[in-house]
Amino acid sequence: MVARAWQDRVVIRRSVVLLGSALVLVLLSVAWVVVPRLLPAGPRPAFQMPVACGEAWLLGTYPGHDDFDIDFFPVKGPAWGRPVLASFGGTVIEAGVNGTLGERTPQNPKGPHGTGAGYWVKIDHGGRWETQYLHLLEPPLVEVGQRVETGDQLGKVGSTGKSGAPHLHYEQRRSREKVEAYFDGVAAGITTDDREYSVRRTSKNCTPGAGAA
């Protein structure tokens, strides 16, 4: 009887320890999600447009696109293969495939589209600021963990993932929430997705070597 009671106590203690460990893991997971949303973000970085210096682009959106999402289309010339540049320095935290690629290429522009972002890159700029670059033509030119500077080339404009035409889908995020993008200190002008509209902007992403692979 004594031995059985001792075994029962051991089982109970182990159960308590396991339950406590599971509770700690749950609390840590909740904290990982909630705390970044509660703490204030740092100052907005000096973001530039994610395209080559001096080029004019149309920044657009449409109903259902989500507030603050921007689609970049060049004013002149084809979009396929245009350099996609880092808006500001930071560390690459995503670089690869999101969803499925589909089959749309410059040789087959009307092929089946994929799902999600296709080839994409996500950069952590510090201070809880991030940028995202979607639908790249080819595998990104950067790797997770790599440090990039303003103007470094991340990839090329394409139409992978869920994309109807070659363009760059771009987002600025503060504390993981999308916000209106600013370029060279000026608001992008793309806010709500209540209607289809676009604005014209010229890139000042003119750091030495910008656009080089």
Protein backbone atom coordinates (compact mmCIF):
# COMPACT_ATOMS: atom_id res chain seq x y z
CA MET A 1 0.00 0.00 0.00
CA VAL A 2 2.83 2.39 0.90
CA ALA A 3 4.59 1.64 -2.39
CA ARG A 4 1.36 2.20 -4.33
CA ALA A 5 0.74 5.53 -2.60
CA TRP A 6 4.30 6.63 -3.36
CA GLN A 7 3.85 5.73 -7.04
CA ASP A 8 0.61 7.69 -7.16
CA ARG A 9 2.34 10.75 -5.73
CA VAL A 10 5.11 10.47 -8.34
CA VAL A 11 2.53 10.27 -11.14
CA ILE A 12 0.69 13.30 -9.76
CA ARG A 13 3.91 15.30 -9.47
CA ARG A 14 4.89 14.43 -13.03
CA SER A 15 1.44 15.42 -14.25
CA VAL A 16 1.68 18.73 -12.44
CA VAL A 17 5.13 19.39 -13.92
CA LEU A 18 3.94 18.55 -17.45
CA LEU A 19 0.83 20.69 -17.05
CA GLY A 20 2.93 23.56 -15.76
CA SER A 21 5.36 23.26 -18.69
CA ALA A 22 2.48 23.21 -21.17
CA LEU A 23 0.97 26.29 -19.52
CA VAL A 24 4.30 28.13 -19.74
CA LEU A 25 4.57 27.29 -23.45
CA VAL A 26 1.04 28.57 -24.05
CA LEU A 27 1.76 31.81 -22.20
CA LEU A 28 5.00 32.32 -24.14
CA SER A 29 3.18 31.76 -27.43
CA VAL A 30 0.49 34.27 -26.49
CA ALA A 31 3.12 36.77 -25.37
CA TRP A 32 5.01 36.37 -28.65
CA VAL A 33 1.87 37.39 -30.54
CA VAL A 34 0.44 40.00 -28.19
CA VAL A 35 3.49 41.87 -26.84
CA PRO A 36 4.73 43.16 -30.24
CA ARG A 37 1.28 44.64 -30.81
CA LEU A 38 1.31 46.43 -27.46
CA LEU A 39 4.80 47.90 -27.50
CA PRO A 40 5.24 51.07 -29.57
CA ALA A 41 7.11 50.86 -32.86
CA GLY A 42 10.24 52.88 -33.46
CA PRO A 43 10.44 55.89 -35.80
CA ARG A 44 9.46 55.27 -39.41
CA PRO A 45 12.57 54.38 -41.46
CA ALA A 46 13.47 56.59 -44.42
CA PHE A 47 11.83 54.26 -46.93
CA GLN A 48 12.35 54.74 -50.65
CA MET A 49 10.36 53.25 -53.52
CA PRO A 50 11.36 49.64 -54.22
CA VAL A 51 12.24 50.39 -57.85
CA ALA A 52 15.12 51.98 -59.75
CA CYS A 53 16.16 55.61 -59.32
CA GLY A 54 14.38 58.10 -61.55
CA GLU A 55 11.75 55.67 -62.89
CA ALA A 56 8.08 56.70 -62.89
CA TRP A 57 5.61 54.09 -61.68
CA LEU A 58 1.87 53.84 -61.15
CA LEU A 59 0.93 52.77 -57.63
CA GLY A 60 -2.51 51.23 -57.60
CA THR A 61 -5.11 49.25 -55.71
CA TYR A 62 -8.62 47.87 -56.22
CA PRO A 63 -11.55 46.57 -54.14
CA GLY A 64 -10.63 43.51 -52.14
CA HIS A 65 -6.90 44.18 -52.38
CA ASP A 66 -6.70 45.08 -48.65
CA ASP A 67 -6.06 48.55 -47.27
CA PHE A 68 -2.54 49.91 -47.87
CA ASP A 69 -1.49 47.14 -50.30
CA ILE A 70 0.26 48.67 -53.32
CA ASP A 71 0.65 47.24 -56.83
CA PHE A 72 3.54 48.79 -58.80
CA PHE A 73 3.33 49.09 -62.60
CA PRO A 74 5.93 51.00 -64.67
CA VAL A 75 4.64 54.03 -66.56
CA LYS A 76 6.78 53.15 -69.57
CA GLY A 77 8.04 49.82 -70.89
CA PRO A 78 7.36 46.25 -69.82
CA ALA A 79 7.18 45.29 -66.16
CA TRP A 80 8.74 41.84 -66.61
CA GLY A 81 12.22 41.62 -65.14
CA ARG A 82 12.48 45.14 -63.71
CA PRO A 83 14.75 45.28 -60.63
CA VAL A 84 13.02 45.10 -57.25
CA LEU A 85 15.06 47.01 -54.68
CA ALA A 86 15.18 47.14 -50.90
CA SER A 87 13.26 50.19 -49.62
CA PHE A 88 15.58 50.50 -46.63
CA GLY A 89 18.33 48.57 -44.93
CA GLY A 90 17.50 45.57 -42.79
CA THR A 91 17.67 41.81 -42.39
CA VAL A 92 15.92 39.37 -44.72
CA ILE A 93 13.51 37.22 -42.72
CA GLU A 94 11.64 35.55 -45.61
CA ALA A 95 12.97 34.70 -49.07
CA GLY A 96 11.50 31.92 -51.17
CA VAL A 97 8.08 30.69 -52.20
CA ASN A 98 4.77 31.51 -50.56
CA GLY A 99 1.87 29.43 -51.91
CA THR A 100 2.41 28.07 -55.42
CA LEU A 101 4.21 29.67 -58.35
CA GLY A 102 1.81 29.07 -61.22
CA GLU A 103 3.04 29.16 -64.83
CA ARG A 104 2.98 32.83 -65.84
CA THR A 105 6.23 33.92 -67.50
CA PRO A 106 7.26 36.52 -70.11
CA GLN A 107 6.93 33.73 -72.68
CA ASN A 108 3.58 32.57 -71.34
CA PRO A 109 1.94 35.64 -69.71
CA LYS A 110 -1.57 34.16 -69.76
CA GLY A 111 -0.62 30.83 -68.22
CA PRO A 112 -2.31 29.47 -65.09
CA HIS A 113 -1.69 31.65 -62.05
CA GLY A 114 -0.60 30.19 -58.74
CA THR A 115 -1.60 30.95 -55.16
CA GLY A 116 -0.28 33.29 -52.50
CA ALA A 117 2.73 35.54 -52.99
CA GLY A 118 4.77 33.29 -55.27
CA TYR A 119 8.44 34.23 -55.02
CA TRP A 120 8.70 36.82 -52.29
CA VAL A 121 10.98 38.63 -49.83
CA LYS A 122 10.28 40.08 -46.39
CA ILE A 123 12.69 42.42 -44.61
CA ASP A 124 12.89 43.35 -40.92
CA HIS A 125 14.09 46.96 -40.65
CA GLY A 126 14.21 47.08 -36.86
CA GLY A 127 11.93 49.04 -34.55
CA ARG A 128 9.05 46.69 -35.53
CA TRP A 129 9.04 47.88 -39.14
CA GLU A 130 8.90 45.43 -42.05
CA THR A 131 8.44 45.50 -45.82
CA GLN A 132 7.18 42.78 -48.18
CA TYR A 133 7.82 42.25 -51.90
CA LEU A 134 5.58 39.75 -53.74
CA HIS A 135 5.17 38.01 -57.13
CA LEU A 136 8.84 38.08 -58.11
CA LEU A 137 9.79 36.57 -61.46
CA GLU A 138 12.53 34.24 -60.20
CA PRO A 139 13.95 32.96 -56.92
CA PRO A 140 15.02 35.92 -54.75
CA LEU A 141 18.59 37.16 -55.03
CA VAL A 142 18.88 37.30 -51.23
CA GLU A 143 18.74 34.73 -48.43
CA VAL A 144 17.14 34.60 -44.99
CA GLY A 145 19.50 36.18 -42.47
CA GLN A 146 21.26 38.34 -45.06
CA ARG A 147 21.81 42.02 -44.36
CA VAL A 148 20.69 44.35 -47.17
CA GLU A 149 21.01 48.09 -47.65
CA THR A 150 18.73 50.62 -49.33
CA GLY A 151 18.80 50.01 -53.08
CA ASP A 152 20.15 46.44 -52.98
CA GLN A 153 18.40 44.26 -55.54
CA LEU A 154 16.11 41.63 -54.05
CA GLY A 155 14.76 40.13 -57.26
CA LYS A 156 12.87 40.97 -60.47
CA VAL A 157 9.27 41.97 -61.18
CA GLY A 158 7.20 38.98 -62.24
CA SER A 159 3.80 37.37 -61.92
CA THR A 160 4.23 34.31 -59.71
CA GLY A 161 1.63 33.33 -57.15
CA LYS A 162 -1.90 34.72 -57.37
CA SER A 163 -1.16 37.46 -59.88
CA GLY A 164 -3.11 38.59 -62.92
CA ALA A 165 -0.28 40.48 -64.64
CA PRO A 166 3.39 41.27 -64.04
CA HIS A 167 3.73 43.76 -61.19
CA LEU A 168 5.24 44.22 -57.75
CA HIS A 169 2.92 43.90 -54.76
CA TYR A 170 4.46 45.89 -51.91
CA GLU A 171 3.61 46.47 -48.24
CA GLN A 172 4.99 48.45 -45.30
CA ARG A 173 4.14 47.05 -41.87
CA ARG A 174 4.43 48.55 -38.39
CA SER A 175 4.19 46.12 -35.46
CA ARG A 176 2.95 43.52 -37.99
CA GLU A 177 0.06 45.73 -39.09
CA LYS A 178 -0.14 47.19 -42.61
CA VAL A 179 0.12 50.98 -42.74
CA GLU A 180 0.13 53.57 -45.49
CA ALA A 181 3.49 53.49 -47.22
CA TYR A 182 5.76 56.53 -47.23
CA PHE A 183 8.51 57.07 -49.79
CA ASP A 184 11.21 59.69 -49.28
CA GLY A 185 9.09 61.06 -46.44
CA VAL A 186 5.95 61.50 -48.55
CA ALA A 187 2.74 59.47 -48.18
CA ALA A 188 2.18 57.05 -51.06
CA GLY A 189 -1.49 58.00 -51.44
CA ILE A 190 -2.74 54.40 -51.45
CA THR A 191 -4.95 53.97 -48.39
CA THR A 192 -8.28 52.13 -48.54
CA ASP A 193 -9.29 49.51 -51.10
CA ASP A 194 -12.82 50.89 -51.45
CA ARG A 195 -12.34 51.58 -55.18
CA GLU A 196 -9.86 51.14 -58.00
CA TYR A 197 -7.43 54.04 -58.32
CA SER A 198 -3.75 54.81 -58.84
CA VAL A 199 -1.20 57.55 -58.27
CA ARG A 200 2.01 58.32 -60.15
CA ARG A 201 5.30 58.49 -58.26
CA THR A 202 8.96 58.76 -59.28
CA SER A 203 11.57 56.73 -57.43
CA LYS A 204 14.33 58.43 -55.44
CA ASN A 205 15.97 55.14 -54.50
CA CYS A 206 19.26 56.54 -55.77
CA THR A 207 21.93 55.15 -53.46
CA PRO A 208 25.21 54.20 -55.16
CA GLY A 209 24.85 50.89 -56.96
CA ALA A 210 21.06 50.76 -56.59
CA GLY A 211 19.63 48.13 -58.87
CA ALA A 212 22.77 46.04 -59.10
CA ALA A 213 22.34 42.32 -58.59
